[in-house]
């Protein structure tokens, strides 16, 4: 999908050095030769604001925007600002499950959107959607700056992305980069366990 928004989004990633190539372990556990380090784009407040405004424009209006920590925090905050909505975040508790902490809560029936920086398999976004549903919110949509899954991930709610890529990712046991003996990097916020 090569739209003006798609091209402009990828241009921002390339100009800031946020579109990396090599051998990477993704948050999903899959390996890939490409990695999108959103923090390198979002370190520029003007770019973060522009991306947030563009993503908010692609989503239905909500009174609450929720992002998983850590990668979704800045873009979620900017989407909430553009929507005039409240912003909170979910983070992993001691058992590794997504939780609302720090006194955050949702009202029964509150209309919410879940915002991530990059979606590959949608696992983390689904966790946040489930968490909000259990807390009584009504998740009406999800969004991300980048969809690495080619638009194929089903989150059970409508979703939008500013750029959709079909990036190849491999289970570690089938990774050709591992088979070539290339060292794997984990450039995101979570460490290799």
C-alpha atoms as a PDB file:
ATOM      1  CA  UNK A   1       0.000   0.000   0.000  1.00  0.00           C
ATOM      2  CA  UNK A   2       1.845   3.070  -1.235  1.00  0.00           C
ATOM      3  CA  UNK A   3      -0.215   6.088  -0.150  1.00  0.00           C
ATOM      4  CA  UNK A   4       1.136   9.596   0.505  1.00  0.00           C
ATOM      5  CA  UNK A   5       0.867   8.908   4.274  1.00  0.00           C
ATOM      6  CA  UNK A   6       2.676   5.574   3.846  1.00  0.00           C
ATOM      7  CA  UNK A   7       5.524   7.167   1.883  1.00  0.00           C
ATOM      8  CA  UNK A   8       5.844  10.139   4.278  1.00  0.00           C
ATOM      9  CA  UNK A   9       5.883   7.828   7.322  1.00  0.00           C
ATOM     10  CA  UNK A  10       8.614   5.606   5.899  1.00  0.00           C
ATOM     11  CA  UNK A  11      10.558   8.700   4.836  1.00  0.00           C
ATOM     12  CA  UNK A  12      10.539   9.897   8.468  1.00  0.00           C
ATOM     13  CA  UNK A  13      11.887   6.519   9.601  1.00  0.00           C
ATOM     14  CA  UNK A  14      14.653   6.544   6.985  1.00  0.00           C
ATOM     15  CA  UNK A  15      15.687  10.184   7.627  1.00  0.00           C
ATOM     16  CA  UNK A  16      16.052   9.566  11.370  1.00  0.00           C
ATOM     17  CA  UNK A  17      17.898   6.241  11.038  1.00  0.00           C
ATOM     18  CA  UNK A  18      14.909   4.401  12.520  1.00  0.00           C
ATOM     19  CA  UNK A  19      14.637   1.861   9.660  1.00  0.00           C
ATOM     20  CA  UNK A  20      17.349  -0.663  10.556  1.00  0.00           C
ATOM     21  CA  UNK A  21      18.633  -3.697   8.661  1.00  0.00           C
ATOM     22  CA  UNK A  22      20.579  -6.608  10.153  1.00  0.00           C
ATOM     23  CA  UNK A  23      19.441  -9.583  12.292  1.00  0.00           C
ATOM     24  CA  UNK A  24      16.897  -8.767  14.993  1.00  0.00           C
ATOM     25  CA  UNK A  25      14.824 -10.561  17.606  1.00  0.00           C
ATOM     26  CA  UNK A  26      11.397  -8.944  17.716  1.00  0.00           C
ATOM     27  CA  UNK A  27       9.211  -8.611  20.817  1.00  0.00           C
ATOM     28  CA  UNK A  28       7.116 -11.477  19.391  1.00  0.00           C
ATOM     29  CA  UNK A  29      10.195 -13.749  19.553  1.00  0.00           C
ATOM     30  CA  UNK A  30      10.401 -13.921  15.763  1.00  0.00           C
ATOM     31  CA  UNK A  31      13.594 -12.966  13.903  1.00  0.00           C
ATOM     32  CA  UNK A  32      13.785 -10.467  11.045  1.00  0.00           C
ATOM     33  CA  UNK A  33      16.304  -8.714   8.837  1.00  0.00           C
ATOM     34  CA  UNK A  34      14.456  -5.400   9.300  1.00  0.00           C
ATOM     35  CA  UNK A  35      13.645  -3.439  12.447  1.00  0.00           C
ATOM     36  CA  UNK A  36      11.759  -0.197  12.951  1.00  0.00           C
ATOM     37  CA  UNK A  37      13.093   1.684  15.987  1.00  0.00           C
ATOM     38  CA  UNK A  38      10.241   4.153  16.533  1.00  0.00           C
ATOM     39  CA  UNK A  39      12.027   5.896  19.401  1.00  0.00           C
ATOM     40  CA  UNK A  40      14.438   7.400  16.862  1.00  0.00           C
ATOM     41  CA  UNK A  41      11.523   9.087  15.058  1.00  0.00           C
ATOM     42  CA  UNK A  42       9.533   9.964  18.175  1.00  0.00           C
ATOM     43  CA  UNK A  43      12.510  11.690  19.816  1.00  0.00           C
ATOM     44  CA  UNK A  44      11.545  14.678  17.659  1.00  0.00           C
ATOM     45  CA  UNK A  45       8.426  16.253  19.212  1.00  0.00           C
ATOM     46  CA  UNK A  46       7.293  17.863  15.950  1.00  0.00           C
ATOM     47  CA  UNK A  47       7.409  14.492  14.124  1.00  0.00           C
ATOM     48  CA  UNK A  48       5.660  12.751  17.037  1.00  0.00           C
ATOM     49  CA  UNK A  49       2.917  15.368  16.987  1.00  0.00           C
ATOM     50  CA  UNK A  50       2.472  15.040  13.202  1.00  0.00           C
ATOM     51  CA  UNK A  51       2.307  11.232  13.380  1.00  0.00           C
ATOM     52  CA  UNK A  52      -0.157  11.400  16.285  1.00  0.00           C
ATOM     53  CA  UNK A  53      -2.406  13.814  14.430  1.00  0.00           C
ATOM     54  CA  UNK A  54      -2.304  11.669  11.259  1.00  0.00           C
ATOM     55  CA  UNK A  55      -3.089   8.471  13.186  1.00  0.00           C
ATOM     56  CA  UNK A  56      -5.889  10.139  15.177  1.00  0.00           C
ATOM     57  CA  UNK A  57      -7.420  11.228  11.865  1.00  0.00           C
ATOM     58  CA  UNK A  58      -7.532   7.610  10.677  1.00  0.00           C
ATOM     59  CA  UNK A  59      -9.396   6.370  13.783  1.00  0.00           C
ATOM     60  CA  UNK A  60     -12.880   6.859  15.243  1.00  0.00           C
ATOM     61  CA  UNK A  61     -13.130   9.375  18.088  1.00  0.00           C
ATOM     62  CA  UNK A  62     -12.711   7.976  21.584  1.00  0.00           C
ATOM     63  CA  UNK A  63     -12.627   9.460  25.088  1.00  0.00           C
ATOM     64  CA  UNK A  64      -9.680   7.263  26.108  1.00  0.00           C
ATOM     65  CA  UNK A  65      -6.421   6.286  24.411  1.00  0.00           C
ATOM     66  CA  UNK A  66      -4.415   3.409  25.907  1.00  0.00           C
ATOM     67  CA  UNK A  67      -0.957   2.221  24.911  1.00  0.00           C
ATOM     68  CA  UNK A  68       1.296  -0.569  26.110  1.00  0.00           C
ATOM     69  CA  UNK A  69       4.493   0.602  27.773  1.00  0.00           C
ATOM     70  CA  UNK A  70       7.068   1.311  26.573  1.00  0.00           C
ATOM     71  CA  UNK A  71       6.939   1.617  22.794  1.00  0.00           C
ATOM     72  CA  UNK A  72       3.421   3.010  22.511  1.00  0.00           C
ATOM     73  CA  UNK A  73       3.714   5.761  25.122  1.00  0.00           C
ATOM     74  CA  UNK A  74       4.767   8.724  23.005  1.00  0.00           C
ATOM     75  CA  UNK A  75       2.566   8.011  19.995  1.00  0.00           C
ATOM     76  CA  UNK A  76      -0.393   7.134  22.240  1.00  0.00           C
ATOM     77  CA  UNK A  77      -0.011  10.424  24.074  1.00  0.00           C
ATOM     78  CA  UNK A  78       0.110  12.327  20.774  1.00  0.00           C
ATOM     79  CA  UNK A  79      -2.986  10.522  19.432  1.00  0.00           C
ATOM     80  CA  UNK A  80      -4.824  11.379  22.663  1.00  0.00           C
ATOM     81  CA  UNK A  81      -3.754  15.026  22.355  1.00  0.00           C
ATOM     82  CA  UNK A  82      -5.043  15.177  18.770  1.00  0.00           C
ATOM     83  CA  UNK A  83      -8.363  13.576  19.816  1.00  0.00           C
ATOM     84  CA  UNK A  84      -8.750  15.684  22.951  1.00  0.00           C
ATOM     85  CA  UNK A  85      -8.919  12.403  24.888  1.00  0.00           C
ATOM     86  CA  UNK A  86      -7.493  11.102  28.147  1.00  0.00           C
ATOM     87  CA  UNK A  87      -4.332   8.969  27.895  1.00  0.00           C
ATOM     88  CA  UNK A  88      -3.258   6.067  30.109  1.00  0.00           C
ATOM     89  CA  UNK A  89      -0.915   3.142  29.620  1.00  0.00           C
ATOM     90  CA  UNK A  90      -0.731  -0.541  30.474  1.00  0.00           C
ATOM     91  CA  UNK A  91       2.478  -2.158  31.639  1.00  0.00           C
ATOM     92  CA  UNK A  92       3.624  -5.621  32.555  1.00  0.00           C
ATOM     93  CA  UNK A  93       3.225  -6.680  36.168  1.00  0.00           C
ATOM     94  CA  UNK A  94       5.557  -9.006  38.087  1.00  0.00           C
ATOM     95  CA  UNK A  95       4.076 -12.047  36.336  1.00  0.00           C
ATOM     96  CA  UNK A  96       4.600 -10.546  32.866  1.00  0.00           C
ATOM     97  CA  UNK A  97       0.899  -9.794  32.231  1.00  0.00           C
ATOM     98  CA  UNK A  98      -0.374  -6.439  31.059  1.00  0.00           C
ATOM     99  CA  UNK A  99      -2.007  -4.465  33.869  1.00  0.00           C
ATOM    100  CA  UNK A 100      -3.337  -1.003  34.600  1.00  0.00           C
ATOM    101  CA  UNK A 101      -1.197   0.345  37.421  1.00  0.00           C
ATOM    102  CA  UNK A 102      -0.308   3.762  38.888  1.00  0.00           C
ATOM    103  CA  UNK A 103      -3.957   4.389  39.818  1.00  0.00           C
ATOM    104  CA  UNK A 104      -5.178   4.210  36.201  1.00  0.00           C
ATOM    105  CA  UNK A 105      -8.730   2.993  35.663  1.00  0.00           C
ATOM    106  CA  UNK A 106     -11.483   2.948  33.078  1.00  0.00           C
ATOM    107  CA  UNK A 107     -15.185   3.708  33.355  1.00  0.00           C
ATOM    108  CA  UNK A 108     -17.700   1.032  32.362  1.00  0.00           C
ATOM    109  CA  UNK A 109     -18.541   1.479  28.665  1.00  0.00           C
ATOM    110  CA  UNK A 110     -15.823   4.082  28.118  1.00  0.00           C
ATOM    111  CA  UNK A 111     -14.909   4.268  24.409  1.00  0.00           C
ATOM    112  CA  UNK A 112     -11.219   3.475  23.986  1.00  0.00           C
ATOM    113  CA  UNK A 113      -8.647   3.052  21.242  1.00  0.00           C
ATOM    114  CA  UNK A 114      -5.392   1.139  21.698  1.00  0.00           C
ATOM    115  CA  UNK A 115      -2.286   2.680  20.130  1.00  0.00           C
ATOM    116  CA  UNK A 116       1.082   1.013  19.462  1.00  0.00           C
ATOM    117  CA  UNK A 117       4.175   2.189  17.647  1.00  0.00           C
ATOM    118  CA  UNK A 118       4.756  -0.978  15.574  1.00  0.00           C
ATOM    119  CA  UNK A 119       2.560  -4.083  15.242  1.00  0.00           C
ATOM    120  CA  UNK A 120       4.001  -7.380  14.002  1.00  0.00           C
ATOM    121  CA  UNK A 121       1.786 -10.199  15.341  1.00  0.00           C
ATOM    122  CA  UNK A 122      -0.576  -8.011  17.381  1.00  0.00           C
ATOM    123  CA  UNK A 123       0.034  -9.982  20.576  1.00  0.00           C
ATOM    124  CA  UNK A 124       0.687  -7.028  22.862  1.00  0.00           C
ATOM    125  CA  UNK A 125      -2.150  -4.996  21.373  1.00  0.00           C
ATOM    126  CA  UNK A 126      -4.524  -7.942  21.909  1.00  0.00           C
ATOM    127  CA  UNK A 127      -3.397  -8.183  25.544  1.00  0.00           C
ATOM    128  CA  UNK A 128      -4.278  -4.518  26.095  1.00  0.00           C
ATOM    129  CA  UNK A 129      -7.628  -4.901  24.284  1.00  0.00           C
ATOM    130  CA  UNK A 130      -8.485  -7.892  26.513  1.00  0.00           C
ATOM    131  CA  UNK A 131      -7.373  -6.030  29.647  1.00  0.00           C
ATOM    132  CA  UNK A 132      -9.588  -3.058  28.813  1.00  0.00           C
ATOM    133  CA  UNK A 133     -12.552  -5.294  28.006  1.00  0.00           C
ATOM    134  CA  UNK A 134     -12.186  -7.057  31.346  1.00  0.00           C
ATOM    135  CA  UNK A 135     -12.065  -3.638  33.045  1.00  0.00           C
ATOM    136  CA  UNK A 136     -15.350  -2.642  31.376  1.00  0.00           C
ATOM    137  CA  UNK A 137     -14.149  -0.330  28.586  1.00  0.00           C
ATOM    138  CA  UNK A 138     -15.421  -0.654  25.027  1.00  0.00           C
ATOM    139  CA  UNK A 139     -12.451  -0.840  22.630  1.00  0.00           C
ATOM    140  CA  UNK A 140     -13.647   0.600  19.332  1.00  0.00           C
ATOM    141  CA  UNK A 141     -10.390   0.508  17.333  1.00  0.00           C
ATOM    142  CA  UNK A 142      -6.627   0.052  17.397  1.00  0.00           C
ATOM    143  CA  UNK A 143      -3.891   1.901  15.584  1.00  0.00           C
ATOM    144  CA  UNK A 144      -0.154   1.923  15.001  1.00  0.00           C
ATOM    145  CA  UNK A 145       2.406   3.976  13.161  1.00  0.00           C
ATOM    146  CA  UNK A 146       3.661   0.862  11.346  1.00  0.00           C
ATOM    147  CA  UNK A 147       1.975  -2.462  10.625  1.00  0.00           C
ATOM    148  CA  UNK A 148       4.774  -4.947   9.849  1.00  0.00           C
ATOM    149  CA  UNK A 149       2.285  -7.765   9.258  1.00  0.00           C
ATOM    150  CA  UNK A 150       1.007  -6.662   5.863  1.00  0.00           C
ATOM    151  CA  UNK A 151      -2.434  -5.770   7.229  1.00  0.00           C
ATOM    152  CA  UNK A 152      -3.193  -9.409   8.059  1.00  0.00           C
ATOM    153  CA  UNK A 153      -3.363  -9.229  11.877  1.00  0.00           C
ATOM    154  CA  UNK A 154      -6.912  -9.601  13.226  1.00  0.00           C
ATOM    155  CA  UNK A 155      -7.373  -7.811  16.551  1.00  0.00           C
ATOM    156  CA  UNK A 156     -11.152  -8.206  16.660  1.00  0.00           C
ATOM    157  CA  UNK A 157     -11.608  -4.430  16.252  1.00  0.00           C
ATOM    158  CA  UNK A 158     -11.117  -2.071  13.296  1.00  0.00           C
ATOM    159  CA  UNK A 159      -7.557  -0.830  13.002  1.00  0.00           C
ATOM    160  CA  UNK A 160      -5.455   1.700  11.158  1.00  0.00           C
ATOM    161  CA  UNK A 161      -1.752   2.143  10.431  1.00  0.00           C
ATOM    162  CA  UNK A 162       0.111   4.988   8.784  1.00  0.00           C
ATOM    163  CA  UNK A 163       2.319   2.520   6.875  1.00  0.00           C
ATOM    164  CA  UNK A 164       1.704  -1.139   6.124  1.00  0.00           C
ATOM    165  CA  UNK A 165       4.708  -3.329   5.354  1.00  0.00           C
ATOM    166  CA  UNK A 166       4.927  -7.030   4.635  1.00  0.00           C
ATOM    167  CA  UNK A 167       8.220  -7.706   6.401  1.00  0.00           C
ATOM    168  CA  UNK A 168       9.393 -11.298   6.559  1.00  0.00           C
ATOM    169  CA  UNK A 169       9.838 -12.674  10.077  1.00  0.00           C
ATOM    170  CA  UNK A 170      11.019 -16.158  10.982  1.00  0.00           C
ATOM    171  CA  UNK A 171      10.676 -18.494  13.947  1.00  0.00           C
ATOM    172  CA  UNK A 172      14.213 -18.714  15.423  1.00  0.00           C
ATOM    173  CA  UNK A 173      14.540 -22.381  14.467  1.00  0.00           C
ATOM    174  CA  UNK A 174      13.880 -21.539  10.779  1.00  0.00           C
ATOM    175  CA  UNK A 175      15.762 -18.241  10.591  1.00  0.00           C
ATOM    176  CA  UNK A 176      18.168 -18.090   7.601  1.00  0.00           C
ATOM    177  CA  UNK A 177      20.093 -15.284   9.348  1.00  0.00           C
ATOM    178  CA  UNK A 178      20.740 -17.589  12.327  1.00  0.00           C
ATOM    179  CA  UNK A 179      21.753 -20.354   9.912  1.00  0.00           C
ATOM    180  CA  UNK A 180      24.325 -17.965   8.408  1.00  0.00           C
ATOM    181  CA  UNK A 181      25.718 -17.444  11.929  1.00  0.00           C
ATOM    182  CA  UNK A 182      24.833 -13.745  12.108  1.00  0.00           C
ATOM    183  CA  UNK A 183      24.593 -12.388  15.660  1.00  0.00           C
ATOM    184  CA  UNK A 184      21.052 -11.467  16.710  1.00  0.00           C
ATOM    185  CA  UNK A 185      20.260  -8.066  18.225  1.00  0.00           C
ATOM    186  CA  UNK A 186      17.318  -7.017  20.394  1.00  0.00           C
ATOM    187  CA  UNK A 187      17.179  -3.240  19.946  1.00  0.00           C
ATOM    188  CA  UNK A 188      13.744  -2.713  21.559  1.00  0.00           C
ATOM    189  CA  UNK A 189      12.841  -2.019  25.161  1.00  0.00           C
ATOM    190  CA  UNK A 190      12.656  -5.630  26.362  1.00  0.00           C
ATOM    191  CA  UNK A 191      15.781  -7.687  26.948  1.00  0.00           C
ATOM    192  CA  UNK A 192      16.475 -11.181  25.563  1.00  0.00           C
ATOM    193  CA  UNK A 193      15.627 -13.756  28.194  1.00  0.00           C
END
